Amino acid sequence: MTDTEAVRQEAGARTIRVEVARFRPGEDAEPVFQGYDVPLMTDWAVLDGLNYIKDQLDGSLSYRWSCRMGVCGSCGMTVNGEPRLTCGTFLNEYGDGPVRIEPLKGFPVIRDLVVDIDDFLTKLSSVRPWLIREGEEPPLTAEYAQTPAQLEAYKQYSMCINCLLCYSACPIYVLDPDFLGPAAIALAQRYNLDSRDMGDRFDVLNLEDAVWGCAFVGECTEVCPKHVDPAEAIQRYKLTAALRSVLPWSKK
């Protein structure tokens, strides 16, 4: 018995309709939806359904995925109108269906469900998301111990997996692509709060297109699969920036 036959036998006659956005810029005038009947397995995530389509029904379907464990962040897509990690979203959450899968909103589409994330990577690098040490040259051999409290100060923001769900959910970013965005700001704050960091990111964050562009809608926090709470990170740095305007010698 083949793997496909085993899947069909386990699912019985149960299937769910999966509607997938198909688009090839330069060839297609606009996206179209293509429907597929996928076995409704109790333990199948939406990503499993996409893999079934690609392996068994339509090998031309394009999408990103890697770890299937909610760690790599590469399988973020729009599922029934909501930004979700498809590896952590299950087909049986949608009853009898249909399940409509689209690329993340706010990003140019390369093909089908694959989006161009170059803009995000540029924004991310601009906040220097790494430990900055002054007066030291690599290789660094010193060890900088931290207390549990010092670790706890930034740990929540360090959980970001760059899945971009927060960008897709953010109404500011969708309307204004120049906005630095939730994840980049949260990761900047992760290093700002690290006791080992000596960097100054004020010139990047204290801008209308950075923390001051946030309207505190909070959708970024609602969709974050790792509970990073980028909305809180942004509001915290607003306070830091305001205090620094009054007390310019204060860096963090």
Protein backbone atom coordinates (compact mmCIF):
# COMPACT_ATOMS: atom_id res chain seq x y z
CA MET A 1 0.00 0.00 0.00
CA THR A 2 1.38 3.39 -0.99
CA ASP A 3 1.53 6.37 1.39
CA THR A 4 -1.25 8.06 -0.56
CA GLU A 5 -3.49 4.98 -0.32
CA ALA A 6 -2.79 4.74 3.42
CA VAL A 7 -3.77 8.38 3.92
CA ARG A 8 -6.98 7.96 1.97
CA GLN A 9 -7.84 4.77 3.86
CA GLU A 10 -7.31 6.48 7.23
CA ALA A 11 -9.34 9.52 6.23
CA GLY A 12 -12.09 7.38 4.75
CA ALA A 13 -14.47 9.49 2.70
CA ARG A 14 -13.72 12.65 4.69
CA THR A 15 -12.22 15.47 2.69
CA ILE A 16 -12.00 19.23 3.08
CA ARG A 17 -11.93 21.79 0.31
CA VAL A 18 -8.73 23.85 0.26
CA GLU A 19 -8.73 26.96 -1.92
CA VAL A 20 -5.24 28.21 -2.71
CA ALA A 21 -4.25 31.55 -4.24
CA ARG A 22 -2.26 31.02 -7.43
CA PHE A 23 -0.29 33.89 -8.97
CA ARG A 24 2.73 34.36 -11.21
CA PRO A 25 3.62 38.07 -11.53
CA GLY A 26 4.44 38.97 -15.09
CA GLU A 27 2.32 36.11 -16.39
CA ASP A 28 -0.99 36.36 -14.55
CA ALA A 29 -3.02 39.57 -14.52
CA GLU A 30 -4.30 38.88 -11.00
CA PRO A 31 -4.41 36.07 -8.44
CA VAL A 32 -6.95 33.30 -8.91
CA PHE A 33 -8.10 30.64 -6.47
CA GLN A 34 -7.72 26.97 -7.27
CA GLY A 35 -9.61 24.38 -5.25
CA TYR A 36 -8.36 20.99 -4.09
CA ASP A 37 -10.01 18.23 -2.09
CA VAL A 38 -7.67 17.15 0.69
CA PRO A 39 -8.14 14.19 3.08
CA LEU A 40 -9.41 15.49 6.43
CA MET A 41 -6.99 13.88 8.85
CA THR A 42 -7.40 14.71 12.53
CA ASP A 43 -3.70 15.45 13.00
CA TRP A 44 -3.07 17.33 9.76
CA ALA A 45 -2.02 20.96 9.89
CA VAL A 46 -2.77 23.28 6.99
CA LEU A 47 0.86 22.80 5.96
CA ASP A 48 0.27 19.04 5.69
CA GLY A 49 -2.63 19.81 3.37
CA LEU A 50 -0.41 21.97 1.19
CA ASN A 51 2.25 19.26 1.11
CA TYR A 52 -0.41 16.74 0.06
CA ILE A 53 -1.49 19.03 -2.77
CA LYS A 54 2.06 19.55 -3.98
CA ASP A 55 3.08 15.88 -3.65
CA GLN A 56 -0.10 14.27 -4.97
CA LEU A 57 -2.23 16.75 -6.89
CA ASP A 58 -0.28 19.70 -8.27
CA GLY A 59 3.50 19.87 -8.18
CA SER A 60 3.52 23.43 -9.52
CA LEU A 61 2.26 24.94 -6.25
CA SER A 62 4.87 27.20 -4.61
CA TYR A 63 5.14 28.04 -0.89
CA ARG A 64 7.76 28.23 1.86
CA TRP A 65 8.22 25.87 4.76
CA SER A 66 11.03 24.23 6.68
CA CYS A 67 10.86 22.90 10.23
CA ARG A 68 7.11 22.14 10.74
CA MET A 69 7.63 22.90 14.45
CA GLY A 70 6.82 26.60 14.78
CA VAL A 71 10.49 27.55 15.02
CA CYS A 72 11.69 28.62 11.57
CA GLY A 73 8.85 31.06 10.88
CA SER A 74 8.92 30.41 7.14
CA CYS A 75 5.41 28.96 6.66
CA GLY A 76 3.42 32.08 7.56
CA MET A 77 0.42 32.59 5.27
CA THR A 78 -3.06 34.07 5.38
CA VAL A 79 -5.56 31.35 6.34
CA ASN A 80 -9.21 32.31 6.05
CA GLY A 81 -8.25 35.95 6.34
CA GLU A 82 -5.90 35.66 9.33
CA PRO A 83 -2.07 35.61 9.39
CA ARG A 84 -1.15 32.17 10.72
CA LEU A 85 1.73 29.71 10.84
CA THR A 86 0.39 26.91 8.67
CA CYS A 87 2.35 24.30 10.61
CA GLY A 88 0.44 25.22 13.79
CA THR A 89 -3.00 25.70 12.23
CA PHE A 90 -5.03 22.53 11.80
CA LEU A 91 -7.49 21.67 9.05
CA ASN A 92 -10.08 20.42 11.52
CA GLU A 93 -10.29 23.90 13.04
CA TYR A 94 -12.33 24.91 9.99
CA GLY A 95 -15.13 22.37 10.22
CA ASP A 96 -16.35 21.32 6.80
CA GLY A 97 -14.33 24.05 5.10
CA PRO A 98 -13.48 25.55 2.81
CA VAL A 99 -10.00 26.62 3.92
CA ARG A 100 -8.76 29.58 1.88
CA ILE A 101 -4.98 30.09 1.82
CA GLU A 102 -3.37 33.29 0.54
CA PRO A 103 0.08 34.87 0.80
CA LEU A 104 0.78 37.24 3.68
CA LYS A 105 -0.75 40.64 3.05
CA GLY A 106 1.46 43.69 2.69
CA PHE A 107 4.27 41.99 0.75
CA PRO A 108 4.92 41.67 -2.99
CA VAL A 109 4.10 38.19 -4.24
CA ILE A 110 6.89 36.30 -5.96
CA ARG A 111 4.74 33.31 -6.90
CA ASP A 112 1.60 31.71 -5.45
CA LEU A 113 2.08 31.82 -1.65
CA VAL A 114 5.71 33.00 -1.67
CA VAL A 115 6.27 36.67 -0.77
CA ASP A 116 9.28 38.95 -1.12
CA ILE A 117 10.71 39.73 2.34
CA ASP A 118 13.70 41.84 1.26
CA ASP A 119 12.10 45.00 2.66
CA PHE A 120 11.80 43.40 6.09
CA LEU A 121 15.39 42.14 6.03
CA THR A 122 16.62 45.64 5.21
CA LYS A 123 14.59 47.11 8.08
CA LEU A 124 15.78 44.40 10.44
CA SER A 125 19.46 45.02 9.70
CA SER A 126 18.96 48.76 10.22
CA VAL A 127 18.26 48.25 13.96
CA ARG A 128 21.49 46.25 14.36
CA PRO A 129 19.94 43.14 15.96
CA TRP A 130 23.11 41.93 17.62
CA LEU A 131 25.12 42.70 20.74
CA ILE A 132 27.17 45.84 20.35
CA ARG A 133 30.28 46.21 22.49
CA GLU A 134 32.40 49.37 22.57
CA GLY A 135 36.18 49.35 22.80
CA GLU A 136 36.50 45.62 22.07
CA GLU A 137 37.89 43.90 19.03
CA PRO A 138 37.07 40.36 17.91
CA PRO A 139 37.66 37.68 18.79
CA LEU A 140 35.88 38.39 22.06
CA THR A 141 37.04 36.04 24.78
CA ALA A 142 35.45 37.63 27.83
CA GLU A 143 32.35 36.09 29.37
CA TYR A 144 29.53 38.39 30.47
CA ALA A 145 27.37 36.67 33.04
CA GLN A 146 23.77 37.72 33.62
CA THR A 147 21.44 37.33 36.54
CA PRO A 148 18.05 35.66 35.99
CA ALA A 149 16.45 39.10 36.33
CA GLN A 150 18.69 40.55 33.61
CA LEU A 151 17.78 37.67 31.32
CA GLU A 152 14.09 38.07 32.05
CA ALA A 153 14.24 41.76 31.08
CA TYR A 154 14.56 40.92 27.36
CA LYS A 155 13.75 37.20 27.06
CA GLN A 156 10.20 37.69 25.81
CA TYR A 157 11.35 39.83 22.87
CA SER A 158 14.11 37.34 21.99
CA MET A 159 11.48 34.72 21.12
CA CYS A 160 10.74 36.37 17.75
CA ILE A 161 11.12 33.92 14.83
CA ASN A 162 10.74 36.52 12.04
CA CYS A 163 7.56 34.88 10.74
CA LEU A 164 6.21 38.29 9.62
CA LEU A 165 2.67 37.60 10.82
CA CYS A 166 2.84 40.84 12.78
CA TYR A 167 3.70 42.83 9.64
CA SER A 168 0.82 41.28 7.72
CA ALA A 169 -1.60 42.08 10.55
CA CYS A 170 -0.31 45.62 11.10
CA PRO A 171 -2.59 48.21 9.43
CA ILE A 172 0.17 50.81 9.57
CA TYR A 173 2.67 48.70 7.61
CA VAL A 174 0.08 47.71 5.01
CA LEU A 175 -0.75 51.39 4.42
CA ASP A 176 2.78 52.75 4.86
CA PRO A 177 5.57 50.41 3.69
CA ASP A 178 8.16 52.82 5.12
CA PHE A 179 7.06 51.93 8.66
CA LEU A 180 9.89 50.08 10.43
CA GLY A 181 7.43 47.50 11.70
CA PRO A 182 6.65 45.46 14.83
CA ALA A 183 9.26 42.70 14.66
CA ALA A 184 12.20 44.97 13.86
CA ILE A 185 11.32 47.30 16.73
CA ALA A 186 10.74 44.42 19.16
CA LEU A 187 14.12 42.92 18.28
CA ALA A 188 15.79 46.30 18.69
CA GLN A 189 14.22 46.51 22.13
CA ARG A 190 15.46 42.99 22.88
CA TYR A 191 19.04 44.26 22.55
CA ASN A 192 18.33 47.62 24.17
CA LEU A 193 17.28 45.77 27.31
CA ASP A 194 20.21 43.33 27.29
CA SER A 195 22.68 44.23 30.06
CA ARG A 196 25.58 43.18 27.81
CA ASP A 197 24.68 45.56 24.99
CA MET A 198 26.33 48.98 24.68
CA GLY A 199 24.65 50.12 21.45
CA ASP A 200 22.53 53.19 20.82
CA ARG A 201 19.58 52.66 18.41
CA PHE A 202 17.86 55.96 19.21
CA ASP A 203 18.50 57.44 15.76
CA VAL A 204 16.72 54.50 14.09
CA LEU A 205 13.80 54.10 16.50
CA ASN A 206 12.93 57.71 17.39
CA LEU A 207 11.32 58.44 14.02
CA GLU A 208 7.84 58.96 12.60
CA ASP A 209 8.33 55.82 10.49
CA ALA A 210 9.48 53.88 13.55
CA VAL A 211 7.98 53.86 17.06
CA TRP A 212 6.01 57.10 16.56
CA GLY A 213 4.24 55.66 13.54
CA CYS A 214 2.59 52.97 15.65
CA ALA A 215 -1.08 53.65 16.42
CA PHE A 216 -1.16 50.90 19.08
CA VAL A 217 -3.87 48.86 17.36
CA GLY A 218 -2.29 45.76 18.89
CA GLU A 219 -2.97 43.33 16.05
CA CYS A 220 0.74 42.44 15.95
CA THR A 221 0.53 41.07 19.47
CA GLU A 222 -2.72 39.22 18.78
CA VAL A 223 -1.27 37.20 15.90
CA CYS A 224 2.22 36.55 17.31
CA PRO A 225 2.65 32.76 17.71
CA LYS A 226 5.49 33.22 20.22
CA HIS A 227 3.78 35.78 22.50
CA VAL A 228 6.52 38.33 21.88
CA ASP A 229 4.10 41.27 22.35
CA PRO A 230 5.69 43.69 19.88
CA ALA A 231 3.00 46.28 20.68
CA GLU A 232 4.32 46.46 24.25
CA ALA A 233 7.91 46.73 23.02
CA ILE A 234 6.98 49.70 20.85
CA GLN A 235 5.12 51.51 23.64
CA ARG A 236 8.02 50.93 26.04
CA TYR A 237 10.47 52.50 23.64
CA LYS A 238 8.16 55.46 23.10
CA LEU A 239 8.55 56.14 26.81
CA THR A 240 12.31 55.71 26.54
CA ALA A 241 12.48 58.11 23.60
CA ALA A 242 10.31 60.70 25.35
CA LEU A 243 12.45 60.59 28.48
CA ARG A 244 15.61 60.84 26.43
CA SER A 245 14.29 63.99 24.79
CA VAL A 246 14.12 65.50 28.27
CA LEU A 247 17.17 63.70 29.68
CA PRO A 248 19.48 63.36 26.66
CA TRP A 249 22.26 61.68 28.64
CA SER A 250 20.01 58.66 29.26
CA LYS A 251 20.53 56.03 26.53
CA LYS A 252 18.16 53.24 27.53
